[in-house]
């Protein structure tokens, strides 16, 4: 199994990258999260990988970090989710938002991802709730959030105003980072609206 590649990035697009390792070009399917973290072409790159093997084909998937690959492996273990659907899920939400959506059983957010229906989202939550944990970085972010419940209440209010769930949570996190954790729900909403 190929677990990682270290080489020179030859080319990249939002869904595909080619890495030259010792004169061999490896084509990798990637998520938008990984695409955003890739360096410019012709620079050194290191990607965690997953080799997907079936009777009729082999595909290599690349990830910016080990945590994204681990979530990918959990996703493809869910009935009805193949590797390309898993990449779509990883591209549709940040890792933290995905982990929180699964842990808090927010099925509606998962169905907002292209290609994920209600039954698949429910199966995702059911199968992964006990396997997914907030990463160390996500747990650190959670610890720096506002008063217990205030951040989630502010995010819900923003969603009522028309924000997409991930955008609402990101705006609240930015407000907390800039203005501290001792904020009321109303203050958080006002500050998050300015983050737009």
N, C-alpha and C. Protein backbone atom coordinates (compact mmCIF):
# COMPACT_ATOMS: atom_id res chain seq x y z
N UNK A 1 0.84 -1.20 0.00
CA UNK A 1 0.00 0.00 0.00
C UNK A 1 0.88 1.25 0.00
N UNK A 2 0.47 2.24 -0.73
CA UNK A 2 1.19 3.52 -0.78
C UNK A 2 0.56 4.42 0.28
N UNK A 3 1.34 4.78 1.31
CA UNK A 3 0.78 5.56 2.42
C UNK A 3 1.07 7.05 2.32
N UNK A 4 2.11 7.42 1.57
CA UNK A 4 2.38 8.85 1.37
C UNK A 4 3.28 9.04 0.16
N UNK A 5 3.29 10.26 -0.34
CA UNK A 5 4.18 10.63 -1.44
C UNK A 5 4.90 11.93 -1.07
N UNK A 6 6.20 11.96 -1.34
CA UNK A 6 6.98 13.18 -1.16
C UNK A 6 7.71 13.44 -2.48
N UNK A 7 7.44 14.56 -3.08
CA UNK A 7 8.06 14.84 -4.36
C UNK A 7 7.78 16.25 -4.81
N UNK A 8 7.71 16.45 -6.12
CA UNK A 8 7.47 17.77 -6.70
C UNK A 8 6.07 17.80 -7.30
N UNK A 9 5.33 18.82 -6.96
CA UNK A 9 3.98 18.97 -7.51
C UNK A 9 4.10 19.42 -8.97
N UNK A 10 3.64 18.57 -9.89
CA UNK A 10 3.70 18.92 -11.32
C UNK A 10 2.52 19.76 -11.75
N UNK A 11 1.32 19.36 -11.30
CA UNK A 11 0.12 20.13 -11.67
C UNK A 11 -0.95 19.89 -10.62
N UNK A 12 -1.94 20.80 -10.60
CA UNK A 12 -3.04 20.65 -9.64
C UNK A 12 -4.30 21.30 -10.21
N UNK A 13 -5.42 20.72 -9.84
CA UNK A 13 -6.73 21.29 -10.14
C UNK A 13 -7.56 21.04 -8.88
N UNK A 14 -8.77 21.58 -8.78
CA UNK A 14 -9.54 21.40 -7.56
C UNK A 14 -9.84 19.93 -7.20
N UNK A 15 -9.72 19.02 -8.15
CA UNK A 15 -10.05 17.62 -7.84
C UNK A 15 -8.91 16.65 -8.14
N UNK A 16 -7.79 17.14 -8.68
CA UNK A 16 -6.75 16.22 -9.13
C UNK A 16 -5.38 16.89 -9.04
N UNK A 17 -4.37 16.11 -8.65
CA UNK A 17 -3.01 16.62 -8.60
C UNK A 17 -2.07 15.54 -9.13
N UNK A 18 -0.93 15.98 -9.68
CA UNK A 18 0.09 15.06 -10.14
C UNK A 18 1.38 15.39 -9.40
N UNK A 19 1.96 14.36 -8.76
CA UNK A 19 3.20 14.53 -8.00
C UNK A 19 4.28 13.67 -8.64
N UNK A 20 5.43 14.30 -8.93
CA UNK A 20 6.58 13.58 -9.49
C UNK A 20 7.44 13.09 -8.33
N UNK A 21 7.60 11.76 -8.27
CA UNK A 21 8.45 11.16 -7.25
C UNK A 21 9.50 10.32 -7.98
N UNK A 22 10.72 10.81 -8.00
CA UNK A 22 11.80 10.08 -8.66
C UNK A 22 11.56 9.81 -10.13
N UNK A 23 10.95 10.73 -10.83
CA UNK A 23 10.72 10.58 -12.26
C UNK A 23 9.42 9.87 -12.62
N UNK A 24 8.64 9.44 -11.62
CA UNK A 24 7.34 8.80 -11.87
C UNK A 24 6.25 9.77 -11.43
N UNK A 25 5.30 10.04 -12.33
CA UNK A 25 4.20 10.95 -12.01
C UNK A 25 3.02 10.19 -11.44
N UNK A 26 2.65 10.50 -10.20
CA UNK A 26 1.50 9.87 -9.55
C UNK A 26 0.31 10.82 -9.63
N UNK A 27 -0.79 10.35 -10.22
CA UNK A 27 -2.02 11.12 -10.27
C UNK A 27 -2.87 10.80 -9.06
N UNK A 28 -3.34 11.84 -8.37
CA UNK A 28 -4.12 11.65 -7.15
C UNK A 28 -5.43 12.42 -7.22
N UNK A 29 -6.51 11.79 -6.84
CA UNK A 29 -7.77 12.49 -6.65
C UNK A 29 -7.68 13.19 -5.29
N UNK A 30 -8.11 14.45 -5.23
CA UNK A 30 -7.98 15.22 -3.98
C UNK A 30 -9.28 15.94 -3.67
N UNK A 31 -9.41 16.38 -2.41
CA UNK A 31 -10.56 17.18 -1.99
C UNK A 31 -10.21 18.66 -2.15
N UNK A 32 -11.23 19.51 -2.05
CA UNK A 32 -10.98 20.95 -2.12
C UNK A 32 -10.14 21.43 -0.94
N UNK A 33 -10.29 20.77 0.21
CA UNK A 33 -9.50 21.12 1.40
C UNK A 33 -8.02 20.92 1.09
N UNK A 34 -7.68 19.78 0.49
CA UNK A 34 -6.29 19.50 0.13
C UNK A 34 -5.82 20.46 -0.95
N UNK A 35 -6.66 20.71 -1.95
CA UNK A 35 -6.29 21.63 -3.03
C UNK A 35 -5.88 22.99 -2.47
N UNK A 36 -6.65 23.50 -1.49
CA UNK A 36 -6.35 24.80 -0.89
C UNK A 36 -5.00 24.83 -0.18
N UNK A 37 -4.52 23.66 0.24
CA UNK A 37 -3.27 23.62 1.01
C UNK A 37 -2.05 23.25 0.15
N UNK A 38 -2.27 22.97 -1.13
CA UNK A 38 -1.15 22.60 -1.99
C UNK A 38 -0.31 23.83 -2.34
N UNK A 39 1.00 23.63 -2.45
CA UNK A 39 1.86 24.74 -2.87
C UNK A 39 1.71 24.96 -4.38
N UNK A 40 2.32 26.00 -4.91
CA UNK A 40 2.30 26.20 -6.37
C UNK A 40 3.02 25.04 -7.08
N UNK A 41 2.70 24.85 -8.34
CA UNK A 41 3.35 23.81 -9.14
C UNK A 41 4.86 24.01 -9.13
N UNK A 42 5.61 22.93 -9.25
CA UNK A 42 7.08 22.89 -9.25
C UNK A 42 7.69 23.01 -7.87
N UNK A 43 6.88 23.04 -6.81
CA UNK A 43 7.42 23.07 -5.45
C UNK A 43 7.28 21.70 -4.80
N UNK A 44 8.06 21.50 -3.73
CA UNK A 44 8.03 20.23 -3.00
C UNK A 44 6.70 20.07 -2.28
N UNK A 45 6.23 18.83 -2.23
CA UNK A 45 4.95 18.55 -1.59
C UNK A 45 5.02 17.20 -0.90
N UNK A 46 4.27 17.07 0.18
CA UNK A 46 4.16 15.80 0.90
C UNK A 46 2.67 15.55 1.15
N UNK A 47 2.16 14.42 0.65
CA UNK A 47 0.75 14.10 0.81
C UNK A 47 0.59 12.70 1.40
N UNK A 48 -0.35 12.57 2.34
CA UNK A 48 -0.78 11.24 2.79
C UNK A 48 -1.64 10.68 1.67
N UNK A 49 -1.62 9.37 1.49
CA UNK A 49 -2.37 8.78 0.38
C UNK A 49 -3.17 7.56 0.82
N UNK A 50 -4.13 7.23 -0.01
CA UNK A 50 -4.91 6.00 0.17
C UNK A 50 -5.06 5.35 -1.20
N UNK A 51 -4.62 4.10 -1.32
CA UNK A 51 -4.74 3.37 -2.57
C UNK A 51 -6.02 2.55 -2.54
N UNK A 52 -6.94 2.88 -3.42
CA UNK A 52 -8.23 2.19 -3.50
C UNK A 52 -8.14 1.16 -4.62
N UNK A 53 -8.33 -0.11 -4.28
CA UNK A 53 -8.19 -1.18 -5.26
C UNK A 53 -9.51 -1.92 -5.41
N UNK A 54 -9.93 -2.06 -6.68
CA UNK A 54 -11.09 -2.89 -7.02
C UNK A 54 -10.67 -3.82 -8.14
N UNK A 55 -11.55 -4.73 -8.48
CA UNK A 55 -11.23 -5.69 -9.54
C UNK A 55 -10.87 -5.01 -10.85
N UNK A 56 -11.59 -3.94 -11.17
CA UNK A 56 -11.42 -3.29 -12.46
C UNK A 56 -10.57 -2.03 -12.46
N UNK A 57 -10.13 -1.56 -11.29
CA UNK A 57 -9.32 -0.34 -11.29
C UNK A 57 -8.59 -0.11 -9.96
N UNK A 58 -7.57 0.73 -10.06
CA UNK A 58 -6.85 1.19 -8.87
C UNK A 58 -6.82 2.71 -8.95
N UNK A 59 -7.11 3.36 -7.81
CA UNK A 59 -7.08 4.82 -7.77
C UNK A 59 -6.31 5.26 -6.54
N UNK A 60 -5.57 6.34 -6.69
CA UNK A 60 -4.80 6.89 -5.59
C UNK A 60 -5.44 8.21 -5.16
N UNK A 61 -5.68 8.34 -3.86
CA UNK A 61 -6.29 9.54 -3.30
C UNK A 61 -5.26 10.23 -2.41
N UNK A 62 -5.18 11.56 -2.51
CA UNK A 62 -4.20 12.32 -1.75
C UNK A 62 -4.86 13.25 -0.74
N UNK A 63 -4.15 13.44 0.39
CA UNK A 63 -4.69 14.26 1.49
C UNK A 63 -3.59 15.13 2.08
N UNK A 64 -3.96 16.35 2.43
CA UNK A 64 -3.00 17.30 2.98
C UNK A 64 -2.44 16.83 4.32
N UNK A 65 -3.23 16.08 5.08
CA UNK A 65 -2.74 15.60 6.37
C UNK A 65 -3.34 14.24 6.71
N UNK A 66 -2.78 13.64 7.71
CA UNK A 66 -3.18 12.30 8.15
C UNK A 66 -4.62 12.25 8.63
N UNK A 67 -5.05 13.32 9.31
CA UNK A 67 -6.41 13.35 9.86
C UNK A 67 -7.47 13.28 8.76
N UNK A 68 -7.23 14.00 7.66
CA UNK A 68 -8.18 13.97 6.56
C UNK A 68 -8.27 12.56 5.96
N UNK A 69 -7.12 11.89 5.86
CA UNK A 69 -7.12 10.51 5.33
C UNK A 69 -7.89 9.58 6.26
N UNK A 70 -7.72 9.74 7.57
CA UNK A 70 -8.44 8.89 8.53
C UNK A 70 -9.95 9.06 8.40
N UNK A 71 -10.41 10.31 8.25
CA UNK A 71 -11.84 10.56 8.07
C UNK A 71 -12.31 9.94 6.75
N UNK A 72 -11.50 10.07 5.70
CA UNK A 72 -11.82 9.46 4.40
C UNK A 72 -12.03 7.95 4.56
N UNK A 73 -11.11 7.29 5.29
CA UNK A 73 -11.22 5.85 5.49
C UNK A 73 -12.49 5.48 6.25
N UNK A 74 -12.86 6.30 7.23
CA UNK A 74 -14.11 6.05 7.95
C UNK A 74 -15.31 6.22 7.02
N UNK A 75 -15.27 7.25 6.19
CA UNK A 75 -16.38 7.52 5.28
C UNK A 75 -16.60 6.38 4.29
N UNK A 76 -15.52 5.86 3.70
CA UNK A 76 -15.71 4.80 2.71
C UNK A 76 -16.11 3.48 3.36
N UNK A 77 -16.02 3.41 4.68
CA UNK A 77 -16.49 2.23 5.40
C UNK A 77 -18.00 2.22 5.60
N UNK A 78 -18.64 3.34 5.29
CA UNK A 78 -20.10 3.46 5.44
C UNK A 78 -20.76 2.94 4.16
N UNK A 79 -21.74 2.07 4.33
CA UNK A 79 -22.45 1.51 3.18
C UNK A 79 -23.07 2.63 2.34
N UNK A 80 -22.83 2.58 1.04
CA UNK A 80 -23.41 3.58 0.14
C UNK A 80 -22.48 4.75 -0.15
N UNK A 81 -21.30 4.79 0.50
CA UNK A 81 -20.36 5.88 0.26
C UNK A 81 -19.08 5.31 -0.32
N UNK A 82 -18.84 5.65 -1.58
CA UNK A 82 -17.61 5.23 -2.24
C UNK A 82 -16.55 6.29 -2.08
N UNK A 83 -15.38 6.07 -2.65
CA UNK A 83 -14.29 7.03 -2.46
C UNK A 83 -14.57 8.41 -3.04
N UNK A 84 -15.26 8.48 -4.17
CA UNK A 84 -15.53 9.80 -4.75
C UNK A 84 -16.61 10.54 -3.95
N UNK A 85 -17.57 9.81 -3.42
CA UNK A 85 -18.57 10.43 -2.53
C UNK A 85 -17.89 10.93 -1.26
N UNK A 86 -16.92 10.15 -0.75
CA UNK A 86 -16.19 10.56 0.45
C UNK A 86 -15.42 11.85 0.19
N UNK A 87 -14.80 11.97 -1.00
CA UNK A 87 -14.10 13.22 -1.34
C UNK A 87 -15.07 14.38 -1.43
N UNK A 88 -16.27 14.12 -1.95
CA UNK A 88 -17.29 15.17 -2.04
C UNK A 88 -17.67 15.64 -0.64
N UNK A 89 -17.82 14.71 0.29
CA UNK A 89 -18.15 15.07 1.67
C UNK A 89 -17.02 15.91 2.27
N UNK A 90 -15.78 15.48 2.07
CA UNK A 90 -14.64 16.22 2.61
C UNK A 90 -14.51 17.61 1.96
N UNK A 91 -14.94 17.72 0.71
CA UNK A 91 -14.89 19.02 0.03
C UNK A 91 -16.03 19.93 0.46
N UNK A 92 -17.13 19.32 0.93
CA UNK A 92 -18.33 20.09 1.26
C UNK A 92 -18.31 20.75 2.62
N UNK A 93 -17.44 20.31 3.52
CA UNK A 93 -17.39 20.85 4.88
C UNK A 93 -15.95 20.81 5.37
N UNK A 94 -15.64 21.66 6.34
CA UNK A 94 -14.34 21.54 6.99
C UNK A 94 -14.37 20.27 7.83
N UNK A 95 -13.19 19.75 8.17
CA UNK A 95 -13.14 18.53 9.00
C UNK A 95 -13.85 18.74 10.33
N UNK A 96 -13.63 19.89 10.92
CA UNK A 96 -14.27 20.16 12.21
C UNK A 96 -15.79 20.18 12.08
N UNK A 97 -16.30 20.87 11.06
CA UNK A 97 -17.76 20.93 10.88
C UNK A 97 -18.33 19.54 10.61
N UNK A 98 -17.61 18.73 9.86
CA UNK A 98 -18.06 17.37 9.58
C UNK A 98 -18.10 16.55 10.87
N UNK A 99 -17.03 16.65 11.66
CA UNK A 99 -16.98 15.91 12.92
C UNK A 99 -18.12 16.35 13.84
N UNK A 100 -18.33 17.65 13.94
CA UNK A 100 -19.40 18.15 14.80
C UNK A 100 -20.78 17.73 14.29
N UNK A 101 -20.98 17.78 12.98
CA UNK A 101 -22.28 17.39 12.41
C UNK A 101 -22.59 15.93 12.72
N UNK A 102 -21.58 15.08 12.65
CA UNK A 102 -21.78 13.66 12.96
C UNK A 102 -22.02 13.47 14.45
N UNK A 103 -21.20 14.09 15.28
CA UNK A 103 -21.33 13.91 16.73
C UNK A 103 -22.63 14.48 17.28
N UNK A 104 -23.10 15.58 16.68
CA UNK A 104 -24.33 16.22 17.16
C UNK A 104 -25.54 15.82 16.32
N UNK A 105 -25.36 14.83 15.45
CA UNK A 105 -26.44 14.27 14.64
C UNK A 105 -27.20 15.33 13.84
N UNK A 106 -26.45 16.25 13.22
CA UNK A 106 -27.06 17.30 12.40
C UNK A 106 -27.19 16.80 10.97
N UNK A 107 -28.18 15.96 10.75
CA UNK A 107 -28.40 15.31 9.46
C UNK A 107 -28.66 16.34 8.36
N UNK A 108 -29.38 17.40 8.67
CA UNK A 108 -29.72 18.40 7.65
C UNK A 108 -28.47 19.03 7.04
N UNK A 109 -27.43 19.23 7.84
CA UNK A 109 -26.19 19.81 7.30
C UNK A 109 -25.51 18.82 6.36
N UNK A 110 -25.57 17.56 6.69
CA UNK A 110 -24.94 16.55 5.84
C UNK A 110 -25.68 16.41 4.51
N UNK A 111 -27.00 16.55 4.54
CA UNK A 111 -27.77 16.44 3.29
C UNK A 111 -27.55 17.65 2.39
N UNK A 112 -27.00 18.72 2.92
CA UNK A 112 -26.70 19.91 2.10
C UNK A 112 -25.52 19.65 1.17
N UNK A 113 -24.76 18.58 1.43
CA UNK A 113 -23.63 18.23 0.57
C UNK A 113 -24.15 17.51 -0.67
N UNK A 114 -23.68 17.92 -1.82
CA UNK A 114 -24.13 17.35 -3.09
C UNK A 114 -23.95 15.83 -3.08
N UNK A 115 -25.02 15.12 -3.45
CA UNK A 115 -24.95 13.66 -3.57
C UNK A 115 -25.24 12.90 -2.29
N UNK A 116 -25.46 13.60 -1.18
CA UNK A 116 -25.75 12.94 0.09
C UNK A 116 -27.22 13.14 0.41
N UNK A 117 -27.98 12.07 0.33
CA UNK A 117 -29.41 12.12 0.65
C UNK A 117 -29.64 11.90 2.13
N UNK A 118 -30.89 11.98 2.52
CA UNK A 118 -31.23 11.85 3.94
C UNK A 118 -30.84 10.49 4.51
N UNK A 119 -31.14 9.42 3.77
CA UNK A 119 -30.82 8.07 4.28
C UNK A 119 -29.31 7.88 4.43
N UNK A 120 -28.56 8.35 3.47
CA UNK A 120 -27.10 8.23 3.55
C UNK A 120 -26.56 9.06 4.72
N UNK A 121 -27.09 10.26 4.90
CA UNK A 121 -26.65 11.11 6.01
C UNK A 121 -26.98 10.45 7.35
N UNK A 122 -28.16 9.87 7.46
CA UNK A 122 -28.52 9.18 8.70
C UNK A 122 -27.61 7.98 8.95
N UNK A 123 -27.28 7.25 7.89
CA UNK A 123 -26.38 6.11 8.01
C UNK A 123 -24.99 6.58 8.43
N UNK A 124 -24.55 7.70 7.87
CA UNK A 124 -23.26 8.29 8.25
C UNK A 124 -23.21 8.56 9.75
N UNK A 125 -24.25 9.22 10.25
CA UNK A 125 -24.30 9.54 11.68
C UNK A 125 -24.32 8.27 12.51
N UNK A 126 -25.17 7.33 12.14
CA UNK A 126 -25.32 6.08 12.90
C UNK A 126 -24.01 5.29 12.93
N UNK A 127 -23.35 5.16 11.77
CA UNK A 127 -22.13 4.35 11.69
C UNK A 127 -20.91 5.03 12.30
N UNK A 128 -20.84 6.36 12.22
CA UNK A 128 -19.60 7.05 12.60
C UNK A 128 -19.65 7.79 13.93
N UNK A 129 -20.81 7.89 14.53
CA UNK A 129 -20.91 8.67 15.77
C UNK A 129 -19.94 8.20 16.85
N UNK A 130 -19.76 6.89 16.96
CA UNK A 130 -18.84 6.35 17.98
C UNK A 130 -17.39 6.30 17.51
N UNK A 131 -17.15 6.54 16.22
CA UNK A 131 -15.79 6.44 15.68
C UNK A 131 -15.13 7.80 15.48
N UNK A 132 -15.95 8.84 15.34
CA UNK A 132 -15.43 10.18 15.07
C UNK A 132 -15.27 10.94 16.39
N UNK A 133 -14.13 11.57 16.53
CA UNK A 133 -13.87 12.42 17.70
C UNK A 133 -13.30 13.72 17.20
N UNK A 134 -13.58 14.80 17.91
CA UNK A 134 -13.00 16.08 17.50
C UNK A 134 -11.50 15.97 17.58
N UNK A 135 -10.82 16.42 16.54
CA UNK A 135 -9.37 16.38 16.52
C UNK A 135 -8.81 17.32 17.58
N UNK A 136 -7.54 17.17 17.85
CA UNK A 136 -6.89 18.01 18.87
C UNK A 136 -7.03 19.48 18.50
N UNK A 137 -6.84 19.82 17.22
CA UNK A 137 -6.97 21.22 16.80
C UNK A 137 -8.41 21.69 16.94
N UNK A 138 -9.36 20.82 16.57
CA UNK A 138 -10.77 21.18 16.68
C UNK A 138 -11.18 21.30 18.15
N UNK A 139 -10.66 20.42 18.99
CA UNK A 139 -10.99 20.49 20.41
C UNK A 139 -10.43 21.78 21.01
N UNK A 140 -9.24 22.18 20.55
CA UNK A 140 -8.67 23.44 21.02
C UNK A 140 -9.52 24.61 20.61
N UNK A 141 -10.03 24.58 19.38
CA UNK A 141 -10.91 25.64 18.91
C UNK A 141 -12.19 25.65 19.73
N UNK A 142 -12.71 24.47 20.03
CA UNK A 142 -13.95 24.38 20.80
C UNK A 142 -13.75 24.96 22.20
N UNK A 143 -12.57 24.72 22.77
CA UNK A 143 -12.30 25.23 24.11
C UNK A 143 -12.23 26.75 24.12
N UNK A 144 -11.85 27.34 22.99
CA UNK A 144 -11.73 28.80 22.93
C UNK A 144 -13.02 29.47 22.49
N UNK A 145 -14.10 28.70 22.36
CA UNK A 145 -15.36 29.29 21.96
C UNK A 145 -15.99 30.09 23.09
N UNK A 146 -17.02 30.80 22.76
CA UNK A 146 -17.70 31.65 23.73
C UNK A 146 -18.37 30.83 24.80
N UNK A 147 -19.11 31.51 25.69
CA UNK A 147 -19.82 30.85 26.79
C UNK A 147 -20.54 29.61 26.27
N UNK A 148 -20.62 28.56 27.11
CA UNK A 148 -21.26 27.32 26.66
C UNK A 148 -22.63 27.59 26.05
N UNK A 149 -22.81 27.11 24.82
CA UNK A 149 -24.10 27.26 24.15
C UNK A 149 -24.27 28.57 23.40
N UNK A 150 -23.53 29.61 23.76
CA UNK A 150 -23.68 30.91 23.10
C UNK A 150 -23.27 30.85 21.65
N UNK A 151 -22.15 30.17 21.37
CA UNK A 151 -21.68 30.06 20.00
C UNK A 151 -22.67 29.33 19.11
N UNK A 152 -23.22 28.23 19.62
CA UNK A 152 -24.19 27.45 18.83
C UNK A 152 -25.48 28.24 18.63
N UNK A 153 -25.91 28.96 19.67
CA UNK A 153 -27.13 29.77 19.55
C UNK A 153 -26.94 30.88 18.51
N UNK A 154 -25.77 31.51 18.55
CA UNK A 154 -25.49 32.58 17.59
C UNK A 154 -25.45 32.01 16.17
N UNK A 155 -24.83 30.83 16.01
CA UNK A 155 -24.77 30.19 14.69
C UNK A 155 -26.17 29.85 14.18
N UNK A 156 -27.03 29.35 15.07
CA UNK A 156 -28.41 29.03 14.68
C UNK A 156 -29.16 30.28 14.23
N UNK A 157 -28.91 31.39 14.93
CA UNK A 157 -29.56 32.64 14.56
C UNK A 157 -29.09 33.09 13.17
N UNK A 158 -27.80 32.94 12.89
CA UNK A 158 -27.28 33.30 11.58
C UNK A 158 -27.86 32.40 10.49
N UNK A 159 -28.05 31.12 10.82
CA UNK A 159 -28.66 30.20 9.84
C UNK A 159 -30.10 30.62 9.53
N UNK A 160 -30.80 31.11 10.55
CA UNK A 160 -32.16 31.60 10.35
C UNK A 160 -32.15 32.81 9.43
N UNK A 161 -31.07 33.58 9.49
CA UNK A 161 -30.94 34.76 8.63
C UNK A 161 -30.48 34.41 7.22
N UNK A 162 -30.23 33.13 6.98
CA UNK A 162 -29.89 32.71 5.62
C UNK A 162 -28.46 32.24 5.41
N UNK A 163 -27.63 32.26 6.45
CA UNK A 163 -26.27 31.75 6.32
C UNK A 163 -26.30 30.24 6.18
N UNK A 164 -25.38 29.68 5.41
CA UNK A 164 -25.19 28.23 5.39
C UNK A 164 -24.55 27.85 6.73
N UNK A 165 -24.84 26.66 7.22
CA UNK A 165 -24.37 26.24 8.55
C UNK A 165 -22.85 26.39 8.73
N UNK A 166 -22.02 25.88 7.80
CA UNK A 166 -20.58 26.03 8.00
C UNK A 166 -20.14 27.49 8.02
N UNK A 167 -20.74 28.32 7.16
CA UNK A 167 -20.38 29.75 7.13
C UNK A 167 -20.79 30.44 8.42
N UNK A 168 -21.94 30.06 8.97
CA UNK A 168 -22.40 30.65 10.23
C UNK A 168 -21.44 30.32 11.36
N UNK A 169 -21.04 29.07 11.45
CA UNK A 169 -20.12 28.66 12.52
C UNK A 169 -18.75 29.32 12.36
N UNK A 170 -18.30 29.45 11.11
CA UNK A 170 -17.01 30.07 10.87
C UNK A 170 -17.06 31.56 11.26
N UNK A 171 -18.13 32.25 10.95
CA UNK A 171 -18.26 33.66 11.31
C UNK A 171 -18.26 33.83 12.83
N UNK A 172 -18.94 32.93 13.54
CA UNK A 172 -18.97 32.98 15.01
C UNK A 172 -17.57 32.72 15.56
N UNK A 173 -16.86 31.72 15.00
CA UNK A 173 -15.49 31.42 15.48
C UNK A 173 -14.58 32.63 15.28
N UNK A 174 -14.69 33.30 14.11
CA UNK A 174 -13.85 34.47 13.86
C UNK A 174 -14.16 35.59 14.85
N UNK A 175 -15.44 35.77 15.15
CA UNK A 175 -15.83 36.81 16.12
C UNK A 175 -15.24 36.51 17.48
N UNK A 176 -15.25 35.24 17.88
CA UNK A 176 -14.70 34.85 19.19
C UNK A 176 -13.19 35.06 19.20
N UNK A 177 -12.52 34.69 18.10
CA UNK A 177 -11.07 34.86 18.03
C UNK A 177 -10.67 36.33 18.16
N UNK A 178 -11.44 37.23 17.54
CA UNK A 178 -11.10 38.65 17.55
C UNK A 178 -11.50 39.36 18.84
N UNK A 179 -12.64 38.93 19.44
CA UNK A 179 -13.20 39.72 20.54
C UNK A 179 -13.27 38.98 21.88
N UNK A 180 -12.78 37.75 21.93
CA UNK A 180 -12.75 37.03 23.21
C UNK A 180 -13.96 36.14 23.43
N UNK A 181 -13.91 35.39 24.52
CA UNK A 181 -14.94 34.37 24.78
C UNK A 181 -16.07 34.86 25.68
N UNK A 182 -15.91 36.01 26.29
CA UNK A 182 -16.92 36.49 27.24
C UNK A 182 -17.96 37.36 26.53
N UNK A 183 -18.69 36.74 25.61
CA UNK A 183 -19.67 37.47 24.80
C UNK A 183 -21.05 36.85 24.95
N UNK A 184 -22.07 37.69 24.91
CA UNK A 184 -23.44 37.17 24.95
C UNK A 184 -23.82 36.72 23.54
N UNK A 185 -24.93 36.03 23.43
CA UNK A 185 -25.41 35.57 22.12
C UNK A 185 -25.64 36.76 21.20
N UNK A 186 -26.26 37.82 21.72
CA UNK A 186 -26.55 39.00 20.90
C UNK A 186 -25.26 39.65 20.39
N UNK A 187 -24.28 39.77 21.28
CA UNK A 187 -23.01 40.36 20.87
C UNK A 187 -22.34 39.51 19.79
N UNK A 188 -22.39 38.19 20.00
CA UNK A 188 -21.79 37.29 19.02
C UNK A 188 -22.45 37.43 17.66
N UNK A 189 -23.76 37.53 17.63
CA UNK A 189 -24.49 37.66 16.36
C UNK A 189 -24.07 38.94 15.66
N UNK A 190 -24.04 40.05 16.39
CA UNK A 190 -23.66 41.33 15.78
C UNK A 190 -22.24 41.29 15.23
N UNK A 191 -21.32 40.74 16.03
CA UNK A 191 -19.93 40.68 15.58
C UNK A 191 -19.76 39.71 14.42
N UNK A 192 -20.47 38.58 14.44
CA UNK A 192 -20.38 37.59 13.36
C UNK A 192 -20.92 38.17 12.06
N UNK A 193 -21.97 39.00 12.14
CA UNK A 193 -22.53 39.63 10.96
C UNK A 193 -21.51 40.57 10.31
N UNK A 194 -20.66 41.17 11.12
CA UNK A 194 -19.61 42.06 10.59
C UNK A 194 -18.47 41.27 9.93
N UNK A 195 -18.38 39.97 10.25
CA UNK A 195 -17.31 39.13 9.68
C UNK A 195 -17.58 38.80 8.23
N UNK A 196 -18.74 39.05 7.76
CA UNK A 196 -19.13 38.67 6.41
C UNK A 196 -18.28 39.30 5.36
